[in-house]
């Protein structure tokens, strides 16, 4: 009994230490975000005159209104909408194309099936930055500059998502496909009614990752958009920093940065359970 009591005490001490380190980690990560929020609620003199306040000020509505409806070239609300359309389009497009390509590779027998898969997989070594010049020429040739289609279509192919879906489809019992075939289900009916519902957690996990990937895009939107009305929020934050001797409006910049974090946070929080299950669930 004494030995068991000692083990419980050690385990209790370990749990306390684990929680202490977790709390410290959360504070370290959250503190810069808190400072950014505080900076978005105070006036310009309060930011540039040290020490910087650690509690929110009284200019919340003023700064956020200026950020949403003014901006440098276009209102931040417009840039948020552009980023939202781009991020959702990229995430949904990548998932649809990856689902279909993985389904074809796993369930259809055709010559060179493995070769096509590895060709897709090898594109991981060719990110957008490597093929950006020919991709720009293709997009310009199709007249898709300064458009949502130009922002989305060149980025919707995903070798990673195709690989992950392929690996998951290989774990689906062959008996399900045989049963569907016996019942007279066509391949797309089997895909829609059985394969896609079984992939729900994987789709959710990939959607979160791909949404954030699309939301954080900077180089590609910067290259193909010359119309300020098509600017994304990441571009907008960069444009808010002054050049030369101009003074930066730090409260408005910080308010814009906080607004830029809200959509990804909403996506992660709302899909948290499915996201975790899609990453760690081994029961297929």
C-alpha atoms as a PDB file:
ATOM      1  CA  UNK A   1       0.000   0.000   0.000  1.00  0.00           C
ATOM      2  CA  UNK A   2       2.837   2.370   0.831  1.00  0.00           C
ATOM      3  CA  UNK A   3       4.408   1.723  -2.559  1.00  0.00           C
ATOM      4  CA  UNK A   4       1.104   2.416  -4.319  1.00  0.00           C
ATOM      5  CA  UNK A   5       0.693   5.650  -2.305  1.00  0.00           C
ATOM      6  CA  UNK A   6       4.169   6.763  -3.367  1.00  0.00           C
ATOM      7  CA  UNK A   7       3.366   6.038  -6.991  1.00  0.00           C
ATOM      8  CA  UNK A   8       0.170   8.114  -6.731  1.00  0.00           C
ATOM      9  CA  UNK A   9       2.087  10.986  -5.160  1.00  0.00           C
ATOM     10  CA  UNK A  10       4.723  10.879  -7.899  1.00  0.00           C
ATOM     11  CA  UNK A  11       2.043  10.698 -10.544  1.00  0.00           C
ATOM     12  CA  UNK A  12       0.230  13.635  -8.940  1.00  0.00           C
ATOM     13  CA  UNK A  13       3.448  15.673  -8.879  1.00  0.00           C
ATOM     14  CA  UNK A  14       4.034  14.827 -12.533  1.00  0.00           C
ATOM     15  CA  UNK A  15       0.535  15.969 -13.479  1.00  0.00           C
ATOM     16  CA  UNK A  16       1.017  19.250 -11.612  1.00  0.00           C
ATOM     17  CA  UNK A  17       4.332  19.875 -13.356  1.00  0.00           C
ATOM     18  CA  UNK A  18       2.766  19.047 -16.714  1.00  0.00           C
ATOM     19  CA  UNK A  19      -0.010  21.553 -16.119  1.00  0.00           C
ATOM     20  CA  UNK A  20       2.442  24.219 -14.962  1.00  0.00           C
ATOM     21  CA  UNK A  21       4.509  23.845 -18.141  1.00  0.00           C
ATOM     22  CA  UNK A  22       1.353  23.843 -20.281  1.00  0.00           C
ATOM     23  CA  UNK A  23       0.146  27.065 -18.641  1.00  0.00           C
ATOM     24  CA  UNK A  24       3.549  28.686 -19.113  1.00  0.00           C
ATOM     25  CA  UNK A  25       3.546  27.619 -22.773  1.00  0.00           C
ATOM     26  CA  UNK A  26       0.081  29.090 -23.303  1.00  0.00           C
ATOM     27  CA  UNK A  27       1.155  32.368 -21.689  1.00  0.00           C
ATOM     28  CA  UNK A  28       4.274  32.592 -23.860  1.00  0.00           C
ATOM     29  CA  UNK A  29       2.244  31.942 -27.024  1.00  0.00           C
ATOM     30  CA  UNK A  30      -0.736  34.119 -26.095  1.00  0.00           C
ATOM     31  CA  UNK A  31       1.165  37.135 -24.719  1.00  0.00           C
ATOM     32  CA  UNK A  32       2.197  38.601 -28.127  1.00  0.00           C
ATOM     33  CA  UNK A  33      -1.416  38.210 -29.330  1.00  0.00           C
ATOM     34  CA  UNK A  34      -2.617  40.010 -26.203  1.00  0.00           C
ATOM     35  CA  UNK A  35      -0.131  42.832 -26.833  1.00  0.00           C
ATOM     36  CA  UNK A  36      -1.377  43.119 -30.428  1.00  0.00           C
ATOM     37  CA  UNK A  37      -4.974  43.333 -29.173  1.00  0.00           C
ATOM     38  CA  UNK A  38      -4.060  45.962 -26.574  1.00  0.00           C
ATOM     39  CA  UNK A  39      -2.190  47.947 -29.243  1.00  0.00           C
ATOM     40  CA  UNK A  40      -5.320  47.864 -31.403  1.00  0.00           C
ATOM     41  CA  UNK A  41      -7.379  49.540 -28.669  1.00  0.00           C
ATOM     42  CA  UNK A  42      -5.124  52.472 -27.718  1.00  0.00           C
ATOM     43  CA  UNK A  43      -4.074  55.674 -29.452  1.00  0.00           C
ATOM     44  CA  UNK A  44      -0.919  56.247 -31.480  1.00  0.00           C
ATOM     45  CA  UNK A  45       0.880  58.295 -28.755  1.00  0.00           C
ATOM     46  CA  UNK A  46       0.280  55.536 -26.195  1.00  0.00           C
ATOM     47  CA  UNK A  47       2.024  52.996 -28.431  1.00  0.00           C
ATOM     48  CA  UNK A  48       5.048  55.088 -29.365  1.00  0.00           C
ATOM     49  CA  UNK A  49       5.573  56.365 -25.809  1.00  0.00           C
ATOM     50  CA  UNK A  50       7.048  53.610 -23.620  1.00  0.00           C
ATOM     51  CA  UNK A  51       6.143  51.729 -21.592  1.00  0.00           C
ATOM     52  CA  UNK A  52       3.399  50.215 -23.708  1.00  0.00           C
ATOM     53  CA  UNK A  53       0.153  49.644 -21.769  1.00  0.00           C
ATOM     54  CA  UNK A  54      -0.803  46.073 -20.898  1.00  0.00           C
ATOM     55  CA  UNK A  55      -4.548  46.737 -20.553  1.00  0.00           C
ATOM     56  CA  UNK A  56      -6.989  47.605 -23.373  1.00  0.00           C
ATOM     57  CA  UNK A  57      -7.603  51.280 -24.057  1.00  0.00           C
ATOM     58  CA  UNK A  58     -10.669  53.230 -25.043  1.00  0.00           C
ATOM     59  CA  UNK A  59     -10.158  53.449 -28.811  1.00  0.00           C
ATOM     60  CA  UNK A  60     -11.431  49.982 -29.735  1.00  0.00           C
ATOM     61  CA  UNK A  61     -14.338  50.997 -31.966  1.00  0.00           C
ATOM     62  CA  UNK A  62     -12.451  53.905 -33.492  1.00  0.00           C
ATOM     63  CA  UNK A  63      -9.431  51.804 -34.527  1.00  0.00           C
ATOM     64  CA  UNK A  64     -11.410  48.821 -35.774  1.00  0.00           C
ATOM     65  CA  UNK A  65     -13.797  51.035 -37.719  1.00  0.00           C
ATOM     66  CA  UNK A  66     -10.815  52.745 -39.344  1.00  0.00           C
ATOM     67  CA  UNK A  67      -9.299  49.359 -40.202  1.00  0.00           C
ATOM     68  CA  UNK A  68     -12.464  47.804 -41.604  1.00  0.00           C
ATOM     69  CA  UNK A  69     -13.709  50.695 -43.690  1.00  0.00           C
ATOM     70  CA  UNK A  70     -10.597  52.671 -44.662  1.00  0.00           C
ATOM     71  CA  UNK A  71      -7.327  50.801 -45.173  1.00  0.00           C
ATOM     72  CA  UNK A  72      -4.448  51.957 -47.370  1.00  0.00           C
ATOM     73  CA  UNK A  73      -5.801  51.286 -50.864  1.00  0.00           C
ATOM     74  CA  UNK A  74      -9.053  49.444 -50.170  1.00  0.00           C
ATOM     75  CA  UNK A  75     -11.045  48.732 -46.999  1.00  0.00           C
ATOM     76  CA  UNK A  76      -9.857  45.819 -44.900  1.00  0.00           C
ATOM     77  CA  UNK A  77     -13.353  44.320 -45.164  1.00  0.00           C
ATOM     78  CA  UNK A  78     -12.833  43.900 -48.922  1.00  0.00           C
ATOM     79  CA  UNK A  79      -9.437  42.263 -48.408  1.00  0.00           C
ATOM     80  CA  UNK A  80     -10.885  39.933 -45.778  1.00  0.00           C
ATOM     81  CA  UNK A  81     -13.574  38.871 -48.238  1.00  0.00           C
ATOM     82  CA  UNK A  82     -10.983  38.259 -50.967  1.00  0.00           C
ATOM     83  CA  UNK A  83      -8.877  36.141 -48.618  1.00  0.00           C
ATOM     84  CA  UNK A  84     -11.952  34.204 -47.490  1.00  0.00           C
ATOM     85  CA  UNK A  85     -12.979  33.399 -51.070  1.00  0.00           C
ATOM     86  CA  UNK A  86      -9.425  32.382 -51.949  1.00  0.00           C
ATOM     87  CA  UNK A  87      -8.913  30.221 -48.848  1.00  0.00           C
ATOM     88  CA  UNK A  88     -12.252  28.401 -49.173  1.00  0.00           C
ATOM     89  CA  UNK A  89     -11.776  27.934 -52.928  1.00  0.00           C
ATOM     90  CA  UNK A  90      -8.289  26.485 -52.497  1.00  0.00           C
ATOM     91  CA  UNK A  91      -9.312  24.181 -49.627  1.00  0.00           C
ATOM     92  CA  UNK A  92     -12.467  22.871 -51.310  1.00  0.00           C
ATOM     93  CA  UNK A  93     -10.764  22.545 -54.717  1.00  0.00           C
ATOM     94  CA  UNK A  94      -7.787  20.647 -53.303  1.00  0.00           C
ATOM     95  CA  UNK A  95     -10.034  18.255 -51.386  1.00  0.00           C
ATOM     96  CA  UNK A  96     -12.335  17.520 -54.348  1.00  0.00           C
ATOM     97  CA  UNK A  97      -9.492  16.936 -56.808  1.00  0.00           C
ATOM     98  CA  UNK A  98      -7.511  14.870 -54.293  1.00  0.00           C
ATOM     99  CA  UNK A  99     -10.522  12.719 -53.420  1.00  0.00           C
ATOM    100  CA  UNK A 100     -11.258  11.976 -57.070  1.00  0.00           C
ATOM    101  CA  UNK A 101      -7.641  11.318 -58.029  1.00  0.00           C
ATOM    102  CA  UNK A 102      -7.030   9.049 -55.018  1.00  0.00           C
ATOM    103  CA  UNK A 103     -10.288   7.189 -55.727  1.00  0.00           C
ATOM    104  CA  UNK A 104      -9.258   6.619 -59.335  1.00  0.00           C
ATOM    105  CA  UNK A 105      -5.775   5.414 -58.355  1.00  0.00           C
ATOM    106  CA  UNK A 106      -7.058   2.949 -55.736  1.00  0.00           C
ATOM    107  CA  UNK A 107     -10.258   1.578 -57.271  1.00  0.00           C
ATOM    108  CA  UNK A 108      -9.654   1.684 -61.025  1.00  0.00           C
ATOM    109  CA  UNK A 109      -7.292  -0.602 -62.900  1.00  0.00           C
ATOM    110  CA  UNK A 110      -5.532   1.112 -65.795  1.00  0.00           C
ATOM    111  CA  UNK A 111      -2.018   0.960 -67.277  1.00  0.00           C
ATOM    112  CA  UNK A 112       0.555   3.061 -65.483  1.00  0.00           C
ATOM    113  CA  UNK A 113      -1.573   3.576 -62.395  1.00  0.00           C
ATOM    114  CA  UNK A 114       1.404   3.534 -59.997  1.00  0.00           C
ATOM    115  CA  UNK A 115       3.424   5.680 -62.362  1.00  0.00           C
ATOM    116  CA  UNK A 116       0.744   8.370 -62.414  1.00  0.00           C
ATOM    117  CA  UNK A 117       0.530   8.304 -58.627  1.00  0.00           C
ATOM    118  CA  UNK A 118       4.279   8.768 -58.186  1.00  0.00           C
ATOM    119  CA  UNK A 119       4.281  11.524 -60.799  1.00  0.00           C
ATOM    120  CA  UNK A 120       1.664  13.308 -58.704  1.00  0.00           C
ATOM    121  CA  UNK A 121       3.668  12.673 -55.551  1.00  0.00           C
ATOM    122  CA  UNK A 122       6.870  14.041 -57.109  1.00  0.00           C
ATOM    123  CA  UNK A 123       5.181  17.421 -57.625  1.00  0.00           C
ATOM    124  CA  UNK A 124       5.828  17.984 -53.908  1.00  0.00           C
ATOM    125  CA  UNK A 125       9.334  18.952 -55.015  1.00  0.00           C
ATOM    126  CA  UNK A 126       7.888  21.670 -57.266  1.00  0.00           C
ATOM    127  CA  UNK A 127       6.142  24.243 -55.053  1.00  0.00           C
ATOM    128  CA  UNK A 128       4.514  27.361 -56.479  1.00  0.00           C
ATOM    129  CA  UNK A 129       7.690  29.391 -55.958  1.00  0.00           C
ATOM    130  CA  UNK A 130       9.643  27.082 -58.300  1.00  0.00           C
ATOM    131  CA  UNK A 131       7.077  27.090 -61.135  1.00  0.00           C
ATOM    132  CA  UNK A 132       5.751  30.573 -60.566  1.00  0.00           C
ATOM    133  CA  UNK A 133       6.910  32.068 -63.892  1.00  0.00           C
ATOM    134  CA  UNK A 134       5.327  29.449 -66.218  1.00  0.00           C
ATOM    135  CA  UNK A 135       2.234  29.360 -64.003  1.00  0.00           C
ATOM    136  CA  UNK A 136       1.904  33.127 -64.306  1.00  0.00           C
ATOM    137  CA  UNK A 137       2.225  32.890 -68.102  1.00  0.00           C
ATOM    138  CA  UNK A 138      -0.552  30.278 -68.247  1.00  0.00           C
ATOM    139  CA  UNK A 139      -2.844  32.315 -65.994  1.00  0.00           C
ATOM    140  CA  UNK A 140      -2.171  35.482 -67.979  1.00  0.00           C
ATOM    141  CA  UNK A 141      -2.783  33.624 -71.230  1.00  0.00           C
ATOM    142  CA  UNK A 142      -6.225  32.560 -70.005  1.00  0.00           C
ATOM    143  CA  UNK A 143      -7.029  36.120 -68.939  1.00  0.00           C
ATOM    144  CA  UNK A 144      -7.362  35.239 -65.259  1.00  0.00           C
ATOM    145  CA  UNK A 145      -5.264  38.057 -63.798  1.00  0.00           C
ATOM    146  CA  UNK A 146      -7.061  40.112 -61.137  1.00  0.00           C
ATOM    147  CA  UNK A 147      -9.716  37.432 -60.673  1.00  0.00           C
ATOM    148  CA  UNK A 148     -10.723  34.862 -58.078  1.00  0.00           C
ATOM    149  CA  UNK A 149     -10.181  32.074 -60.600  1.00  0.00           C
ATOM    150  CA  UNK A 150      -6.580  33.222 -61.057  1.00  0.00           C
ATOM    151  CA  UNK A 151      -6.070  33.246 -57.295  1.00  0.00           C
ATOM    152  CA  UNK A 152      -7.560  29.780 -56.780  1.00  0.00           C
ATOM    153  CA  UNK A 153      -7.094  27.458 -59.772  1.00  0.00           C
ATOM    154  CA  UNK A 154      -3.254  27.361 -59.931  1.00  0.00           C
ATOM    155  CA  UNK A 155      -3.136  26.286 -56.264  1.00  0.00           C
ATOM    156  CA  UNK A 156      -5.851  23.624 -56.072  1.00  0.00           C
ATOM    157  CA  UNK A 157      -3.735  20.586 -56.965  1.00  0.00           C
ATOM    158  CA  UNK A 158      -2.353  18.856 -53.871  1.00  0.00           C
ATOM    159  CA  UNK A 159      -0.043  15.837 -53.936  1.00  0.00           C
ATOM    160  CA  UNK A 160      -0.095  15.652 -50.133  1.00  0.00           C
ATOM    161  CA  UNK A 161      -3.885  15.390 -49.913  1.00  0.00           C
ATOM    162  CA  UNK A 162      -3.928  12.847 -52.746  1.00  0.00           C
ATOM    163  CA  UNK A 163      -1.364  10.723 -50.916  1.00  0.00           C
ATOM    164  CA  UNK A 164      -3.271  10.893 -47.604  1.00  0.00           C
ATOM    165  CA  UNK A 165      -6.595   9.976 -49.209  1.00  0.00           C
ATOM    166  CA  UNK A 166      -4.936   7.128 -51.127  1.00  0.00           C
ATOM    167  CA  UNK A 167      -3.491   5.715 -47.929  1.00  0.00           C
ATOM    168  CA  UNK A 168      -6.890   5.914 -46.249  1.00  0.00           C
ATOM    169  CA  UNK A 169      -8.736   4.334 -49.186  1.00  0.00           C
ATOM    170  CA  UNK A 170      -6.329   1.391 -49.058  1.00  0.00           C
ATOM    171  CA  UNK A 171      -7.564   0.657 -45.529  1.00  0.00           C
ATOM    172  CA  UNK A 172     -11.215   0.398 -46.615  1.00  0.00           C
ATOM    173  CA  UNK A 173     -12.165  -3.319 -46.756  1.00  0.00           C
ATOM    174  CA  UNK A 174     -12.522  -4.711 -50.254  1.00  0.00           C
ATOM    175  CA  UNK A 175     -15.780  -6.312 -49.115  1.00  0.00           C
ATOM    176  CA  UNK A 176     -17.466  -2.903 -49.150  1.00  0.00           C
ATOM    177  CA  UNK A 177     -16.618  -2.378 -52.798  1.00  0.00           C
ATOM    178  CA  UNK A 178     -17.716  -5.915 -53.630  1.00  0.00           C
ATOM    179  CA  UNK A 179     -21.014  -5.462 -51.776  1.00  0.00           C
ATOM    180  CA  UNK A 180     -21.671  -2.199 -53.594  1.00  0.00           C
ATOM    181  CA  UNK A 181     -20.908  -3.849 -56.909  1.00  0.00           C
ATOM    182  CA  UNK A 182     -23.285  -6.726 -56.135  1.00  0.00           C
ATOM    183  CA  UNK A 183     -26.012  -4.226 -55.231  1.00  0.00           C
ATOM    184  CA  UNK A 184     -25.572  -2.617 -58.625  1.00  0.00           C
ATOM    185  CA  UNK A 185     -23.998   0.608 -57.413  1.00  0.00           C
ATOM    186  CA  UNK A 186     -21.993   2.468 -60.029  1.00  0.00           C
ATOM    187  CA  UNK A 187     -18.454   3.632 -59.108  1.00  0.00           C
ATOM    188  CA  UNK A 188     -19.528   7.234 -58.435  1.00  0.00           C
ATOM    189  CA  UNK A 189     -22.456   6.034 -56.306  1.00  0.00           C
ATOM    190  CA  UNK A 190     -20.017   3.959 -54.245  1.00  0.00           C
ATOM    191  CA  UNK A 191     -17.750   6.998 -54.027  1.00  0.00           C
ATOM    192  CA  UNK A 192     -20.492   9.396 -52.889  1.00  0.00           C
ATOM    193  CA  UNK A 193     -22.454   7.085 -50.575  1.00  0.00           C
ATOM    194  CA  UNK A 194     -19.631   5.122 -48.935  1.00  0.00           C
ATOM    195  CA  UNK A 195     -16.156   6.504 -49.549  1.00  0.00           C
ATOM    196  CA  UNK A 196     -16.836  10.204 -48.929  1.00  0.00           C
ATOM    197  CA  UNK A 197     -18.790   9.689 -45.647  1.00  0.00           C
ATOM    198  CA  UNK A 198     -16.046   7.410 -44.361  1.00  0.00           C
ATOM    199  CA  UNK A 199     -13.486  10.114 -45.187  1.00  0.00           C
ATOM    200  CA  UNK A 200     -15.311  12.803 -43.200  1.00  0.00           C
ATOM    201  CA  UNK A 201     -12.724  13.221 -40.437  1.00  0.00           C
ATOM    202  CA  UNK A 202      -9.848  13.187 -42.926  1.00  0.00           C
ATOM    203  CA  UNK A 203     -11.629  15.816 -45.023  1.00  0.00           C
ATOM    204  CA  UNK A 204     -12.154  18.001 -41.944  1.00  0.00           C
ATOM    205  CA  UNK A 205      -8.500  17.763 -40.891  1.00  0.00           C
ATOM    206  CA  UNK A 206      -7.285  18.596 -44.394  1.00  0.00           C
ATOM    207  CA  UNK A 207      -9.793  21.437 -44.754  1.00  0.00           C
ATOM    208  CA  UNK A 208      -8.385  23.181 -41.670  1.00  0.00           C
ATOM    209  CA  UNK A 209      -4.799  22.808 -42.890  1.00  0.00           C
ATOM    210  CA  UNK A 210      -5.578  23.840 -46.467  1.00  0.00           C
ATOM    211  CA  UNK A 211      -7.757  26.774 -45.403  1.00  0.00           C
ATOM    212  CA  UNK A 212      -4.885  28.215 -43.370  1.00  0.00           C
ATOM    213  CA  UNK A 213      -2.524  27.509 -46.275  1.00  0.00           C
ATOM    214  CA  UNK A 214      -4.763  29.471 -48.639  1.00  0.00           C
ATOM    215  CA  UNK A 215      -5.376  32.245 -46.137  1.00  0.00           C
ATOM    216  CA  UNK A 216      -1.642  32.846 -45.617  1.00  0.00           C
ATOM    217  CA  UNK A 217      -0.752  33.009 -49.319  1.00  0.00           C
ATOM    218  CA  UNK A 218       1.244  36.128 -50.135  1.00  0.00           C
ATOM    219  CA  UNK A 219       3.588  35.687 -53.106  1.00  0.00           C
ATOM    220  CA  UNK A 220       1.051  34.355 -55.612  1.00  0.00           C
ATOM    221  CA  UNK A 221      -1.667  36.999 -54.945  1.00  0.00           C
ATOM    222  CA  UNK A 222       1.020  39.684 -54.994  1.00  0.00           C
ATOM    223  CA  UNK A 223       2.137  38.518 -58.440  1.00  0.00           C
ATOM    224  CA  UNK A 224      -1.186  38.211 -60.252  1.00  0.00           C
ATOM    225  CA  UNK A 225      -3.194  41.072 -58.725  1.00  0.00           C
ATOM    226  CA  UNK A 226      -2.583  44.630 -59.816  1.00  0.00           C
ATOM    227  CA  UNK A 227      -6.079  45.855 -58.975  1.00  0.00           C
ATOM    228  CA  UNK A 228      -6.215  46.963 -55.310  1.00  0.00           C
ATOM    229  CA  UNK A 229      -9.787  45.643 -55.119  1.00  0.00           C
ATOM    230  CA  UNK A 230      -8.350  42.092 -55.423  1.00  0.00           C
ATOM    231  CA  UNK A 231      -5.786  42.467 -52.623  1.00  0.00           C
ATOM    232  CA  UNK A 232      -5.815  39.851 -49.873  1.00  0.00           C
ATOM    233  CA  UNK A 233      -5.519  40.616 -46.174  1.00  0.00           C
ATOM    234  CA  UNK A 234      -1.908  39.407 -45.972  1.00  0.00           C
ATOM    235  CA  UNK A 235      -1.003  41.816 -48.774  1.00  0.00           C
ATOM    236  CA  UNK A 236      -2.964  44.565 -47.041  1.00  0.00           C
ATOM    237  CA  UNK A 237      -1.035  44.244 -43.792  1.00  0.00           C
ATOM    238  CA  UNK A 238       2.258  44.514 -45.653  1.00  0.00           C
ATOM    239  CA  UNK A 239       1.035  47.592 -47.550  1.00  0.00           C
ATOM    240  CA  UNK A 240       0.103  49.329 -44.305  1.00  0.00           C
ATOM    241  CA  UNK A 241       3.738  49.592 -43.269  1.00  0.00           C
ATOM    242  CA  UNK A 242       5.005  52.998 -44.414  1.00  0.00           C
ATOM    243  CA  UNK A 243       7.924  53.671 -46.678  1.00  0.00           C
ATOM    244  CA  UNK A 244      10.372  56.496 -46.207  1.00  0.00           C
ATOM    245  CA  UNK A 245       9.607  58.987 -43.460  1.00  0.00           C
ATOM    246  CA  UNK A 246       5.900  58.228 -43.186  1.00  0.00           C
ATOM    247  CA  UNK A 247       4.542  57.362 -39.766  1.00  0.00           C
ATOM    248  CA  UNK A 248       2.951  53.966 -39.257  1.00  0.00           C
ATOM    249  CA  UNK A 249      -0.581  53.967 -37.858  1.00  0.00           C
ATOM    250  CA  UNK A 250       0.161  51.181 -35.406  1.00  0.00           C
ATOM    251  CA  UNK A 251      -3.305  50.958 -33.806  1.00  0.00           C
ATOM    252  CA  UNK A 252      -4.905  50.438 -37.228  1.00  0.00           C
ATOM    253  CA  UNK A 253      -2.190  47.963 -38.273  1.00  0.00           C
ATOM    254  CA  UNK A 254      -2.668  45.961 -35.073  1.00  0.00           C
ATOM    255  CA  UNK A 255      -6.453  46.040 -35.488  1.00  0.00           C
ATOM    256  CA  UNK A 256      -6.044  44.704 -39.020  1.00  0.00           C
ATOM    257  CA  UNK A 257      -3.739  41.947 -37.766  1.00  0.00           C
ATOM    258  CA  UNK A 258      -6.300  40.889 -35.158  1.00  0.00           C
ATOM    259  CA  UNK A 259      -9.063  40.888 -37.784  1.00  0.00           C
ATOM    260  CA  UNK A 260      -6.852  38.756 -40.041  1.00  0.00           C
ATOM    261  CA  UNK A 261      -6.546  36.115 -37.314  1.00  0.00           C
ATOM    262  CA  UNK A 262     -10.277  35.769 -36.667  1.00  0.00           C
ATOM    263  CA  UNK A 263     -11.375  33.602 -39.671  1.00  0.00           C
ATOM    264  CA  UNK A 264      -8.608  30.963 -39.252  1.00  0.00           C
ATOM    265  CA  UNK A 265      -9.322  30.820 -35.515  1.00  0.00           C
ATOM    266  CA  UNK A 266     -13.041  30.322 -36.176  1.00  0.00           C
ATOM    267  CA  UNK A 267     -12.289  27.495 -38.625  1.00  0.00           C
ATOM    268  CA  UNK A 268      -9.893  25.750 -36.232  1.00  0.00           C
ATOM    269  CA  UNK A 269     -12.177  26.077 -33.195  1.00  0.00           C
ATOM    270  CA  UNK A 270     -15.360  25.052 -35.014  1.00  0.00           C
ATOM    271  CA  UNK A 271     -13.709  21.980 -36.555  1.00  0.00           C
ATOM    272  CA  UNK A 272     -11.421  21.107 -33.668  1.00  0.00           C
ATOM    273  CA  UNK A 273     -12.946  17.736 -32.781  1.00  0.00           C
ATOM    274  CA  UNK A 274     -13.070  16.519 -36.376  1.00  0.00           C
ATOM    275  CA  UNK A 275      -9.576  17.892 -36.968  1.00  0.00           C
ATOM    276  CA  UNK A 276      -8.096  15.936 -34.046  1.00  0.00           C
ATOM    277  CA  UNK A 277      -9.990  12.764 -34.968  1.00  0.00           C
ATOM    278  CA  UNK A 278      -8.821  13.046 -38.565  1.00  0.00           C
ATOM    279  CA  UNK A 279      -5.201  13.240 -37.428  1.00  0.00           C
ATOM    280  CA  UNK A 280      -5.107  10.599 -34.673  1.00  0.00           C
ATOM    281  CA  UNK A 281      -8.069   8.271 -35.192  1.00  0.00           C
ATOM    282  CA  UNK A 282      -6.745   4.872 -36.204  1.00  0.00           C
ATOM    283  CA  UNK A 283     -10.098   3.111 -36.350  1.00  0.00           C
ATOM    284  CA  UNK A 284     -11.036   2.999 -40.027  1.00  0.00           C
END
